Structures are given as C-alpha cells and as structure tokens.
Protein backbone atom coordinates (compact mmCIF):
# COMPACT_ATOMS: atom_id res chain seq x y z
CA MET A 1 0.22 -0.06 -0.39
CA LYS A 2 1.60 3.01 -0.65
CA SER A 3 2.13 5.94 1.91
CA VAL A 4 0.67 8.99 1.55
CA CYS A 5 2.28 12.74 1.92
CA LEU A 6 1.26 14.84 4.81
CA SER A 7 -0.20 18.06 4.27
CA THR A 8 1.37 21.74 5.64
CA GLY A 9 -0.95 22.01 8.24
CA GLU A 10 -0.29 18.02 9.42
CA ILE A 11 3.22 18.46 9.64
CA ILE A 12 2.99 21.91 11.77
CA ILE A 13 0.56 19.95 14.27
CA HIS A 14 2.67 16.77 14.34
CA ARG A 15 5.57 18.78 14.82
CA ILE A 16 3.43 21.06 18.13
CA LEU A 17 2.79 17.12 19.33
CA GLY A 18 6.30 16.25 18.88
CA VAL A 19 7.88 18.84 20.48
CA LEU A 20 4.79 18.78 23.50
CA ILE A 21 6.04 14.88 24.23
CA ILE A 22 9.00 15.49 24.52
CA LEU A 23 8.90 18.48 27.16
CA THR A 24 6.36 16.76 29.29
CA VAL A 25 8.02 13.82 30.14
CA LEU A 26 11.44 15.42 31.21
CA PRO A 27 8.68 17.01 34.63
CA GLY A 28 7.75 13.49 35.43
CA ILE A 29 10.60 10.77 34.35
CA HIS A 30 11.29 10.20 38.28
CA PHE A 31 7.67 8.46 38.69
CA GLY A 32 9.04 6.07 35.63
CA PHE A 33 12.01 6.87 33.55
CA GLY A 34 11.38 3.83 31.00
CA VAL A 35 8.98 6.54 29.63
CA LEU A 36 11.56 8.87 28.58
CA PRO A 37 13.15 6.86 25.53
CA ILE A 38 9.55 6.03 24.14
CA SER A 39 8.67 9.75 24.09
CA LEU A 40 11.71 10.83 22.64
CA ILE A 41 11.43 8.06 19.79
CA PHE A 42 7.65 9.40 19.26
CA GLY A 43 8.61 13.30 19.83
CA ILE A 44 11.99 12.79 16.97
CA TYR A 45 9.32 10.70 14.48
CA LEU A 46 6.68 13.24 14.52
CA LEU A 47 9.19 16.07 13.93
CA ILE A 48 11.06 14.35 11.37
CA ASN A 49 8.30 12.28 9.76
CA LYS A 50 6.60 13.28 6.54
CA ARG A 51 4.29 10.32 5.39
CA TYR A 52 1.56 8.32 6.69
CA HIS A 53 2.88 4.42 8.09
CA LEU A 54 -0.13 2.30 8.79
CA ALA A 55 1.72 -0.48 9.99
CA PHE A 56 4.08 1.55 12.50
CA ASP A 57 1.52 3.48 13.67
CA ILE A 58 -0.50 0.91 15.15
CA PHE A 59 2.60 -0.27 16.53
CA LEU A 60 2.48 3.34 18.61
CA VAL A 61 -0.89 2.83 19.48
CA LEU A 62 0.45 -0.90 21.27
CA ILE A 63 3.50 0.70 22.87
CA GLY A 64 0.87 3.71 23.88
CA ILE A 65 -1.92 1.68 25.39
CA LEU A 66 0.89 -0.16 27.60
CA ILE A 67 2.35 2.66 28.87
CA CYS A 68 -1.06 3.90 29.36
CA PHE A 69 -2.56 0.68 31.31
CA TYR A 70 0.04 -1.96 32.14
CA PRO A 71 2.92 -0.66 34.40
CA ILE A 72 4.84 -3.47 34.36
CA PRO A 73 7.54 -2.51 37.11
CA PHE A 74 10.87 -3.77 35.07
CA LEU A 75 9.99 -1.65 31.99
CA PHE A 76 9.79 1.20 34.61
CA LEU A 77 6.70 2.74 33.50
CA GLY A 78 5.32 4.14 36.34
CA PRO A 79 1.52 4.00 37.65
CA ALA A 80 -1.33 3.49 34.93
CA ILE A 81 -2.85 6.18 34.26
CA SER A 82 -6.15 4.49 35.64
CA ASN A 83 -4.76 5.20 39.18
CA LEU A 84 -4.99 9.12 38.34
CA LYS A 85 -7.94 9.76 40.56
CA LEU A 86 -6.11 8.07 43.63
CA PHE A 87 -3.48 10.65 42.94
CA LEU A 88 -5.65 14.00 42.69
CA LEU A 89 -7.72 12.90 45.63
CA GLY A 90 -5.53 11.83 48.24
CA SER A 91 -2.88 14.85 47.57
CA SER A 92 -3.39 18.70 47.94
CA TRP A 93 -3.23 20.44 44.14
CA SER A 94 -1.43 23.10 45.93
CA GLU A 95 1.81 20.13 46.00
CA LEU A 96 4.71 20.13 43.35
CA PHE A 97 4.21 16.38 43.24
CA ILE A 98 0.76 16.46 42.20
CA LYS A 99 1.61 18.93 39.42
CA LEU A 100 4.34 16.46 38.11
CA PHE A 101 2.37 13.58 38.34
CA LEU A 102 -0.17 15.27 36.34
CA ILE A 103 2.31 16.39 33.66
CA PHE A 104 4.02 12.35 33.18
CA ASN A 105 -0.02 11.30 32.65
CA LEU A 106 -0.40 13.93 30.27
CA ASN A 107 2.51 12.77 28.72
CA LYS A 108 1.04 9.54 28.12
CA ILE A 109 -2.05 10.63 27.06
CA LEU A 110 -0.83 12.53 24.52
CA ILE A 111 1.48 9.79 23.13
CA LEU A 112 -1.60 7.24 23.13
CA GLY A 113 -4.05 10.05 21.99
CA THR A 114 -1.90 11.12 18.71
CA ALA A 115 -0.74 7.25 17.47
CA ILE A 116 -4.98 6.54 17.99
CA ALA A 117 -5.73 9.64 15.83
CA LEU A 118 -2.64 8.41 13.53
CA VAL A 119 -4.18 5.00 13.20
CA ILE A 120 -7.60 6.86 12.52
CA LEU A 121 -6.05 9.11 9.64
CA ASP A 122 -4.18 6.14 7.97
CA ILE A 123 -7.34 4.32 7.37
CA PHE A 124 -9.02 7.51 6.13
CA ILE A 125 -6.72 8.59 3.98
CA HIS A 126 -6.26 5.60 1.40
CA LEU A 127 -10.46 5.93 0.93
CA LYS A 128 -11.91 7.88 -2.41
CA ASN A 129 -11.21 11.29 -2.37
CA PHE A 130 -10.06 11.66 1.47
CA SER A 131 -6.23 11.99 0.77
CA LYS A 132 -7.00 14.69 -1.67
CA LEU A 133 -9.79 16.90 1.66
CA ALA A 134 -8.15 20.17 2.10
CA LYS A 135 -8.64 20.17 5.15
CA ARG A 136 -7.07 17.05 6.66
CA GLU A 137 -5.21 18.57 9.72
CA LEU A 138 -8.90 19.79 10.96
CA ILE A 139 -10.56 16.65 10.68
CA PHE A 140 -6.88 15.31 12.56
CA SER A 141 -7.27 17.95 15.23
CA LEU A 142 -10.93 16.77 16.09
CA ILE A 143 -9.98 12.93 16.11
CA LEU A 144 -6.96 13.61 18.10
CA LEU A 145 -8.92 16.54 20.82
CA ALA A 146 -11.73 13.73 21.28
CA SER A 147 -9.02 10.80 22.04
CA ILE A 148 -7.34 13.12 24.30
CA ILE A 149 -10.81 14.04 26.20
CA ILE A 150 -11.55 10.60 26.45
CA LEU A 151 -8.49 9.12 27.56
CA PHE A 152 -8.27 11.82 30.49
CA ILE A 153 -11.65 11.96 31.76
CA GLN A 154 -12.65 8.29 31.98
CA PRO A 155 -10.08 6.99 34.88
CA LEU A 156 -11.49 10.06 36.66
CA PHE A 157 -15.03 8.60 36.85
CA ARG A 158 -14.06 5.58 38.73
CA PRO A 159 -15.35 5.33 42.04
CA ALA A 160 -12.65 5.67 44.38
CA VAL A 161 -13.94 4.54 48.26
CA ILE A 162 -12.29 4.01 51.20
CA ASN A 163 -9.77 0.60 52.19
CA LYS A 164 -10.59 -0.84 55.07
CA GLU A 165 -8.33 -3.55 54.95
CA GLY A 166 -5.61 -1.59 55.42
CA ILE A 167 -3.79 1.17 54.44
CA THR A 168 -3.25 1.43 50.47
CA SER A 169 -0.38 3.92 49.85
CA ILE A 170 2.83 5.15 52.41
CA GLY A 171 5.38 8.09 51.56
CA GLN A 172 7.62 10.29 53.94
CA GLY A 173 9.96 12.79 53.65
CA GLY A 174 11.01 16.49 54.24
CA SER A 175 14.28 14.74 56.42
CA LEU A 176 17.00 12.07 55.79
CA ILE A 177 15.62 11.13 59.96
CA VAL A 178 13.26 8.80 59.41
CA SER A 179 11.67 7.67 63.12
CA PHE A 180 8.47 5.59 62.07
CA LYS A 181 8.33 2.40 59.91
CA PHE A 182 5.16 1.85 58.87
CA ASP A 183 3.27 -1.50 56.93
CA TYR A 184 0.46 -1.65 54.94
CA SER A 185 -1.10 -3.38 57.47
CA ASP A 186 -0.20 -0.71 59.96
CA GLY A 187 -3.76 0.95 59.57
CA LYS A 188 -7.49 0.61 58.93
CA ALA A 189 -10.45 2.04 58.83
CA SER A 190 -13.89 1.48 59.77
CA PHE A 191 -17.34 3.17 59.93
CA ASN A 192 -19.99 3.10 62.54
CA THR A 193 -23.23 3.96 61.09
CA GLN A 194 -25.07 4.58 64.41
CA ASP A 195 -22.64 7.58 65.49
CA ASN A 196 -21.78 8.69 61.71
CA LEU A 197 -18.52 8.26 62.26
CA TRP A 198 -15.24 7.18 60.63
CA THR A 199 -12.40 5.54 62.60
CA TYR A 200 -8.54 5.76 61.34
CA GLU A 201 -6.59 3.60 63.74
CA ILE A 202 -3.03 3.74 62.83
CA ILE A 203 -0.03 1.76 64.11
CA ALA A 204 3.20 3.64 64.63
CA LYS A 205 6.30 1.88 65.85
CA ASN A 206 9.06 4.02 66.64
CA SER A 207 12.05 1.62 65.89
CA SER A 208 14.87 5.10 66.58
CA ASN A 209 16.78 5.03 69.72
CA GLN A 210 15.21 8.22 70.47
CA ASP A 211 11.84 9.17 71.46
CA VAL A 212 9.85 11.64 69.09
CA GLU A 213 7.08 13.87 68.82
CA ILE A 214 4.16 13.63 66.75
CA ILE A 215 3.82 17.67 66.31
CA LYS A 216 0.69 17.77 63.72
CA ILE A 217 -1.47 15.47 62.22
CA SER A 218 -3.71 16.78 58.59
CA GLY A 219 -5.81 15.07 56.49
CA GLN A 220 -7.53 14.88 52.71
CA LYS A 221 -11.28 15.40 52.88
CA PRO A 222 -14.00 15.61 50.41
CA THR A 223 -14.58 18.30 49.04
CA LYS A 224 -18.17 19.80 47.03
CA PRO A 225 -17.45 17.84 43.47
CA PHE A 226 -16.24 19.11 40.54
CA LEU A 227 -19.53 20.32 38.22
CA GLY A 228 -21.44 18.79 40.80
CA PHE A 229 -20.63 14.90 39.92
CA LEU A 230 -16.90 14.51 39.39
CA ASP A 231 -14.47 13.96 42.21
CA ILE A 232 -11.16 14.85 41.23
CA TYR A 233 -9.81 17.15 44.35
CA SER A 234 -9.90 17.28 47.96
CA LYS A 235 -9.64 19.49 50.54
CA THR A 236 -6.82 19.74 53.36
CA GLU A 237 -7.44 19.90 57.23
CA VAL A 238 -5.55 19.85 60.00
CA ILE A 239 -6.46 17.77 62.68
CA ALA A 240 -4.05 18.07 65.03
CA PRO A 241 -2.96 20.31 67.64
CA PRO A 242 -4.84 20.29 69.63
CA PHE A 243 -4.49 16.89 70.77
CA GLY A 244 -7.90 16.57 72.10
CA SER A 245 -11.48 14.42 72.55
CA HIS A 246 -10.90 13.51 68.72
CA ILE A 247 -7.65 11.36 69.13
CA LYS A 248 -6.73 8.74 71.48
CA VAL A 249 -3.67 7.44 72.20
CA GLU A 250 -2.47 4.21 73.22
CA GLU A 251 1.27 2.99 74.86
CA ALA A 252 2.45 6.46 74.09
CA GLU A 253 2.02 10.07 76.05
CA LYS A 254 -0.39 12.75 74.85
CA MET A 255 -0.22 16.25 74.98
CA SER A 256 -2.27 19.05 73.90
CA ASP A 257 0.17 19.84 71.39
CA ARG A 258 1.91 16.64 70.39
CA VAL A 259 1.85 13.17 71.41
CA ILE A 260 5.49 11.69 72.64
CA VAL A 261 6.61 8.21 71.05
CA ARG A 262 8.85 6.57 73.44
CA ALA A 263 12.19 5.13 72.32
CA GLY A 264 11.47 1.52 71.15
CA GLU A 265 8.12 1.73 71.49
CA THR A 266 5.02 1.48 69.36
CA ALA A 267 1.92 3.50 69.58
CA ILE A 268 -1.84 3.25 68.56
CA LEU A 269 -3.39 6.52 67.24
CA LYS A 270 -6.94 6.28 67.03
CA ILE A 271 -8.51 9.24 64.76
CA TYR A 272 -12.17 10.20 64.71
CA SER A 273 -13.44 12.09 62.15
CA LYS A 274 -17.31 12.90 61.07
CA GLU A 275 -15.82 12.63 57.32
CA PRO A 276 -13.85 10.00 55.36
CA ILE A 277 -10.11 10.82 55.09
CA TYR A 278 -8.75 10.09 52.13
CA GLN A 279 -4.98 10.74 53.28
CA ILE A 280 -3.71 11.16 56.80
CA SER A 281 -0.13 12.90 57.18
CA LEU A 282 1.88 12.68 60.17
CA LEU A 283 4.71 15.57 61.32
CA ASP A 284 7.47 14.86 63.91
CA ASN A 285 9.58 16.91 65.68
CA ASN A 286 12.35 16.08 62.98
CA ASN A 287 10.31 17.51 60.27
CA CYS A 288 9.64 14.02 59.17
CA GLN A 289 6.30 13.55 57.22
CA TYR A 290 4.79 10.83 56.76
CA SER A 291 1.89 10.16 54.54
CA LEU A 292 -0.42 7.12 54.71
CA GLY A 293 -3.63 6.84 51.63
CA PHE A 294 -6.62 4.80 52.24
CA LEU A 295 -8.52 5.08 48.72
CA THR A 296 -9.06 2.30 46.98
CA PHE A 297 -11.14 1.37 44.03
CA GLY A 298 -14.88 0.28 44.69
CA SER A 299 -17.90 -0.38 42.93
CA GLU A 300 -20.80 2.45 42.52
CA VAL A 301 -22.50 0.88 45.46
CA GLN A 302 -19.73 1.26 47.64
CA PHE A 303 -19.36 4.77 47.27
CA PHE A 304 -22.82 4.80 48.82
CA GLU A 305 -21.77 3.94 51.80
CA GLU A 306 -18.26 5.64 51.79
CA ARG A 307 -19.98 8.81 51.23
CA GLY A 308 -23.34 8.61 53.67
CA TYR A 309 -25.05 8.34 50.49
CA PHE A 310 -27.85 5.88 52.36
CA SER A 311 -31.21 7.16 53.46
CA GLU A 312 -33.88 5.72 55.41
CA LYS A 313 -37.56 4.97 53.50
CA ILE A 314 -38.76 2.16 55.61
CA ASP A 315 -41.77 0.19 53.46
CA PRO A 316 -43.77 -1.88 55.38
CA ASN A 317 -44.74 -3.71 52.00
CA ILE A 318 -41.53 -5.03 52.38
CA LYS A 319 -39.69 -7.28 53.96
CA ILE A 320 -36.66 -9.31 55.11
CA LEU A 321 -36.64 -13.09 55.77
CA LEU A 322 -33.98 -15.06 56.69
CA VAL A 323 -33.37 -18.99 55.90
CA ASN A 324 -30.59 -21.74 56.39
CA ASN A 325 -31.90 -24.00 53.24
CA PHE A 326 -32.04 -23.36 49.59
CA PRO A 327 -34.12 -23.14 47.54
CA PRO A 328 -35.59 -20.65 50.16
CA SER A 329 -38.93 -20.89 51.35
CA PRO A 330 -41.35 -18.17 53.46
CA ASP A 331 -42.28 -21.25 56.03
CA LEU A 332 -38.33 -21.92 56.63
CA ALA A 333 -38.17 -18.25 57.68
CA LYS A 334 -36.59 -17.80 61.40
CA THR A 335 -34.35 -14.84 63.77
CA THR A 336 -32.02 -16.93 65.68
CA PHE A 337 -29.58 -19.40 63.90
CA GLU A 338 -26.02 -21.01 65.55
CA SER A 339 -22.15 -19.13 64.76
CA GLY A 340 -20.94 -20.69 61.30
CA GLU A 341 -24.64 -21.76 60.10
CA PRO A 342 -24.92 -20.12 56.16
CA ILE A 343 -27.81 -17.55 56.22
CA TYR A 344 -30.12 -16.76 53.09
CA PRO A 345 -31.71 -13.33 53.34
CA GLN A 346 -34.46 -12.91 50.98
CA GLU A 347 -37.08 -10.37 50.39
CA ILE A 348 -40.40 -10.26 49.72
CA GLY A 349 -41.90 -6.61 48.06
CA LEU A 350 -39.77 -5.39 45.94
CA PRO A 351 -40.76 -4.52 41.99
CA LYS A 352 -39.23 -5.91 39.22
CA GLY A 353 -35.97 -4.54 37.69
CA VAL A 354 -34.96 -2.89 40.95
CA LYS A 355 -30.79 -3.17 41.73
CA TYR A 356 -30.90 -3.96 45.75
CA GLY A 357 -29.11 -5.78 48.33
CA PHE A 358 -28.16 -6.24 52.04
CA ARG A 359 -25.83 -4.88 54.68
CA VAL A 360 -25.80 -6.32 58.14
CA ILE A 361 -25.06 -3.85 61.10
CA ASP A 362 -24.17 -4.39 64.87
CA LEU A 363 -26.67 -2.87 67.42
CA GLU A 364 -24.04 0.19 67.91
CA GLY A 365 -23.91 1.16 64.34
CA ASN A 366 -20.93 -0.78 63.03
CA VAL A 367 -21.38 -2.74 59.45
CA ILE A 368 -20.30 -5.58 59.84
CA ILE A 369 -20.73 -6.51 56.16
CA PRO A 370 -20.95 -4.07 53.86
CA PHE A 371 -22.99 -2.98 51.41
CA ASP A 372 -20.81 -3.86 48.45
CA GLU A 373 -20.73 -6.15 45.34
CA ARG A 374 -17.85 -7.89 46.40
CA TYR A 375 -19.21 -10.13 49.21
CA GLY A 376 -22.05 -11.42 46.03
CA MET A 377 -25.29 -9.91 48.02
CA ILE A 378 -26.25 -6.68 45.48
CA GLY A 379 -28.43 -7.73 42.49
CA VAL A 380 -31.30 -6.94 40.22
CA THR A 381 -34.97 -8.17 41.15
CA LYS A 382 -36.22 -10.28 38.45
CA VAL A 383 -39.65 -11.92 39.92
CA GLY A 384 -41.15 -8.62 41.19
CA LYS A 385 -43.08 -8.64 44.45
CA GLY A 386 -42.38 -12.75 45.14
CA MET A 387 -39.41 -14.22 46.93
CA GLU A 388 -36.53 -13.28 45.82
CA GLY A 389 -32.66 -13.51 47.20
CA ARG A 390 -29.56 -12.50 46.96
CA GLY A 391 -26.10 -14.73 48.28
CA PHE A 392 -25.24 -15.63 51.94
CA PHE A 393 -22.98 -15.23 54.43
CA ASN A 394 -22.66 -16.59 58.04
CA ASN A 395 -20.87 -19.27 56.95
CA LYS A 396 -18.37 -21.61 58.71
CA GLU A 397 -15.51 -19.47 56.67
CA LYS A 398 -16.90 -16.75 58.02
CA ALA A 399 -19.19 -17.39 60.48
CA LEU A 400 -20.43 -14.45 63.11
CA PRO A 401 -19.66 -14.63 66.74
CA PRO A 402 -22.51 -14.38 68.82
CA GLY A 403 -25.00 -11.59 69.07
CA THR A 404 -27.77 -9.56 68.06
CA TYR A 405 -27.40 -8.09 64.23
CA LYS A 406 -29.48 -6.06 62.04
CA ILE A 407 -29.94 -6.68 58.50
CA GLU A 408 -31.01 -3.89 56.04
CA LEU A 409 -32.59 -4.06 52.53
CA ILE A 410 -31.20 -1.21 50.68
CA ARG A 411 -32.76 -0.21 47.01
CA VAL A 412 -30.80 1.56 44.83
CA GLU A 413 -32.01 5.09 43.79
CA GLY A 414 -30.12 6.80 41.25
CA GLN A 415 -26.75 8.13 43.38
CA GLU A 416 -28.56 7.44 46.77
CA GLY A 417 -29.07 3.98 48.58
CA VAL A 418 -32.27 3.81 50.35
CA ILE A 419 -32.77 1.49 53.38
CA VAL A 420 -36.62 0.27 52.54
CA ALA A 421 -36.47 -2.53 55.22
CA TYR A 422 -34.48 -4.00 57.89
CA GLN A 423 -34.28 -7.29 59.92
CA ASN A 424 -33.01 -8.27 63.59
CA PHE A 425 -31.06 -11.44 64.57
CA THR A 426 -29.68 -13.55 66.74
CA ILE A 427 -26.26 -15.71 66.46
CA ASN A 428 -25.99 -18.79 69.80
CA SER A 429 -23.01 -19.89 69.83
CA LYS A 430 -22.20 -23.61 68.61
CA ASP A 431 -22.89 -26.08 70.59
C-alpha cells in the first residue's frame, strides 16, 4: 500500500505534538523513567516524519496502551493513568508532586491519543477522495482532541472508596531522620452507622533509639465535586493540634500539642472523624512527614457506603426473610441461627428490575457486612413482588460471633441508597 504524504498543516500539527511529548516527559521521569526513551523516539518521529505509515502507527498504539494501562515494574513505566483519581483525591493540588504527576500522565495520554489519531487517519487516507481533502489537519485535530479528552476523563469517573482492610499507599519525606516504619497492615478504617463516625487506627512503631514527637496530623477530606458530579480534588485540614478527644492514644503520652512515642515503643493512634479521610499525614519533631493513604477503587454501591449516601424510607409492604436452606421457602424463615450456620437473605415486595442489596450491622451501628458487590449480596430483582434473594453469609469460613445483629435491605435509586426494610436476628454459639 503506497504511503501518502502529510499536508503542510498536518506537518505543523505533528511537529507541535512532537515538541509537547518531549517536553512533558521531562518533569515526571522520576515516576517512571522507562517512558523517557519511548517519548523521545515518538517525539522525534513526529518532528521528522512527512508520510503516513499504518503498520508503524499501529505499533505506536500498542506501545501507548502498554505505558498507559500496564505499569510493568521492570520496564519502569510508572503508575497507570487509571490510578490518576487516587493521586488527585489523596493529595493537595498545591503540592509540586501532584503538578508533576499530572504532567507525567498528560505525556502518556498525548502518546496514546496521538497514536490513535494517526491510525484513524491512516485508514481514512486510503478512502476514495479523502486524501484530496484540503482540511485533513482539521479532521486529525478533532480526532486527536476527542481521544485525549476520553483518555483523560474516563479514569476520573472510577468510584474511589475508603479501603477498610489496610493502608493503600505509604510515603515519607522532608527529613533524612526517619523514626517510624509503617507497613500496609499498620492502619485500618471503620465506619459506625449509628454515630455516623469514621475511625482510623494507625500503628506507629518508633524504630529509633530516641523519643519522637508527633507534632501535627493533617488529612485530605472530600470537598464539593467538580461541576457537581466529578470528584477530582480534596481539601487539606489540620486534624491536630490540638490533640483533643477526637484522637485517642495507647502506649504513648498524649499532650495538648503533641504525642510523645518513646524509643522502641509502638503507639496506637485512633483518629475519629465525621468525614472520610483519604490520606493522613503525620509530622514529627525531626520535620519528617509520613503520608498514609486509605483510598482504593470500588464499586458504585461502595461509594454510597463511604460517602454516606444512604437514607431510610421504611416501606411496610417490603419484608426481609432469613432462611438457612436453599432453595428458600417462607415457611423456613427464622431469626435465630448458630454461628457458622449459613443464612440466605430474601426480600418480598420489591418490584421487578430494581437494583438492591443487603447490609449487616451490629446494634451499635458498626458495619459487619458492607453494602458491597464483593460480598455477593447485591443484584437486580427478576420476579417482582415475590420472594427473591441474593447471596449468603455466616458460613463456617466467615462465621459471625454470637450476638444480635440487624440486616438492612437497600434499594439503589440513582445516586442514593435507600434502606427500605430491616430485620433483627440473633447468632448463638454453636454447641
């Protein structure tokens, strides 16, 4: 297939893109320097090339997909652009770090977006009469713009939630003297639905031979979504000092303006907050700052849970039945079970085609089984007004301890989760 020459306008656009790709890779190479040779080769190609080359441009698309979505460690390609939202929400936009990271992601998006536009034009150019169009550069620019916008916006719509199983990112800086050593299991988050209160528990191990003081705690908290629907930035708030009742300390000395952790000791910090905290930063008296991230990606319904998008509208016509056998039957419904005895939750009364799910809490409001698709108790009604269920819990592998619990039936309505029914039940110890 004979290659087609670029128009004068296309050559100018290609050269501008080549310069941008080379310039934008330089500020962010410490995130992944493996992108540097790719950017230089692609940039030089755009600067000197004057023809369309379909096979080579397809190869560039594959390279672009690799650097954007597959952060292969030994290639030093840096984080995938799909993680962009976690960085934006978990950091202050005033930090130089986040500006460099945005430029680094823009470089990757420019590479893939440009390669996609090249391939599409490569295909169009061989259509009858298309190569003779006087405004080919305009069509290329529109395709390029659409590709870049889609690649940049798409990751920002992924729902980010608080990870309750541990810390998701760890960072430190500001000083060469490092006293605390953190692991990903040294932090956890929990949410109490009754008090509407978040608890962040952090295990701080002082590995030095000197006492160390935690003099400041700050956090990244949610703010109003951009344009009313897009979460891309957060606000920085000082949590302490003062170190008041919203912070509890074990195995350390708490004062109004600091927490003193003795040499070789392990302190437990409990931070209480009405709002979710995306990232917690601890500053010690050696001017070393430790950042602990709690954000991860989750499902849309997890997002309801984390941001408190639940309301309660109990409908007397909707019921929850709990059975211990499958297939379920209303005659088998009961409210007392043994620990390790499987429980199959059923609903009666929801109309057909409604997204719904179950959540289990204790009588103090602590979430025991969250409204989360990973637990298999979320689905869409298929029958309507009849008995229908989803998933099970309290099996032998994940038995609930003895006590009284509440199971809630939650109906998804747009951007809100509505509690429409609940049922108390009791777990007894197994004889």
